[in-house]
Protein backbone atom coordinates (compact mmCIF):
# COMPACT_ATOMS: atom_id res chain seq x y z
CA MET A 1 0.03 -0.02 -0.08
CA LYS A 2 1.29 3.47 -0.95
CA ILE A 3 -0.22 6.86 -0.24
CA GLN A 4 1.55 10.01 -1.56
CA THR A 5 0.63 13.78 -1.07
CA ASN A 6 2.35 17.03 -1.10
CA PHE A 7 2.78 16.82 2.72
CA TYR A 8 3.59 13.17 3.38
CA GLU A 9 4.22 9.55 1.98
CA ILE A 10 3.16 6.46 3.59
CA TYR A 11 4.30 3.00 2.61
CA ALA A 12 2.78 -0.12 4.38
CA PHE A 13 5.14 -3.35 4.38
CA GLU A 14 4.56 -6.48 6.08
CA ASN A 15 5.16 -5.29 9.57
CA LEU A 16 6.72 -1.79 8.91
CA LEU A 17 4.93 1.39 8.21
CA TYR A 18 7.25 3.98 6.72
CA VAL A 19 5.91 7.60 7.06
CA LYS A 20 7.94 10.42 5.13
CA SER A 21 7.08 13.77 6.37
CA LEU A 22 7.34 16.65 3.84
CA SER A 23 6.80 20.41 3.95
CA SER A 24 5.03 22.07 6.90
CA TRP A 25 2.02 20.78 8.66
CA HIS A 26 -1.02 22.37 10.19
CA GLU A 27 -3.84 20.86 12.23
CA ARG A 28 -5.75 19.47 9.14
CA ILE A 29 -2.75 17.64 7.70
CA ALA A 30 -1.91 16.32 11.15
CA LYS A 31 -5.35 14.87 11.60
CA GLU A 32 -5.25 13.47 8.18
CA VAL A 33 -2.01 11.63 8.71
CA LEU A 34 -3.09 10.21 12.06
CA ASP A 35 -6.39 9.02 10.62
CA ARG A 36 -4.54 7.38 7.82
CA ILE A 37 -1.95 5.66 10.11
CA ASN A 38 -4.86 4.46 12.24
CA HIS A 39 -6.82 3.14 9.26
CA ILE A 40 -3.75 1.20 8.05
CA ALA A 41 -2.88 -0.08 11.51
CA GLU A 42 -6.53 -1.41 11.91
CA THR A 43 -6.59 -2.93 8.38
CA VAL A 44 -3.13 -4.18 7.68
CA TYR A 45 -1.55 -4.92 11.11
CA PRO A 46 -4.86 -5.84 13.13
CA ASP A 47 -3.16 -8.76 14.90
CA LYS A 48 0.43 -8.34 14.06
CA LYS A 49 3.42 -6.63 15.80
CA TRP A 50 4.42 -3.68 13.67
CA ALA A 51 6.70 -0.65 13.78
CA ILE A 52 6.58 2.87 12.27
CA LEU A 53 9.75 4.40 10.71
CA SER A 54 9.23 8.16 10.54
CA ASP A 55 11.41 10.01 8.14
CA LYS A 56 11.49 13.67 8.96
CA ARG A 57 14.51 14.73 6.73
CA GLU A 58 12.31 16.66 4.42
CA TRP A 59 9.99 18.04 6.97
CA GLU A 60 10.02 21.69 7.86
CA LEU A 61 7.80 22.39 10.82
CA ASN A 62 4.25 22.09 12.64
CA THR A 63 2.00 24.73 13.80
CA PRO A 64 1.37 24.63 17.55
CA GLY A 65 -2.03 23.06 17.11
CA ALA A 66 -0.70 20.27 14.79
CA HIS A 67 2.28 19.62 17.40
CA GLY A 68 -0.17 19.14 20.22
CA MET A 69 -2.46 16.84 18.03
CA LEU A 70 0.49 14.64 17.10
CA LYS A 71 1.81 14.53 20.71
CA GLY A 72 -1.70 13.82 22.05
CA ALA A 73 -2.19 10.71 19.62
CA ALA A 74 0.59 8.98 21.41
CA GLU A 75 -1.60 8.88 24.55
CA GLU A 76 -4.91 7.87 22.95
CA PRO A 77 -5.99 4.48 24.10
CA GLU A 78 -8.37 3.92 21.15
CA ILE A 79 -5.49 4.09 18.62
CA LYS A 80 -3.62 0.94 17.64
CA HIS A 81 -0.05 1.78 18.65
CA PRO A 82 2.91 0.28 17.07
CA ASP A 83 5.16 -2.01 18.94
CA HIS A 84 8.33 0.07 17.90
CA ILE A 85 8.84 3.63 16.62
CA ALA A 86 12.01 5.09 15.06
CA TYR A 87 12.82 8.50 13.72
CA VAL A 88 15.18 9.61 11.03
CA VAL A 89 16.13 13.25 11.26
CA GLY A 90 18.96 15.28 9.61
């Protein structure tokens, strides 16, 4: 599965979700990414261990609202969380 926009790219592999962040994000984009990740997690990895590799090398910044939304998602119990998360920055 592959999703590409001007703001992010998401690639779903057998047990790895690769998320490449591009450009700058505001709340609408952050919500869209979280919704897509959650949908993929529920459909592709329902009973599997899985990980996210978040590539932020081409990402610029978040608005404060988007930052809060992304940070808060890590604490939401109804979201299927990955077993491992890794970030690439540079």
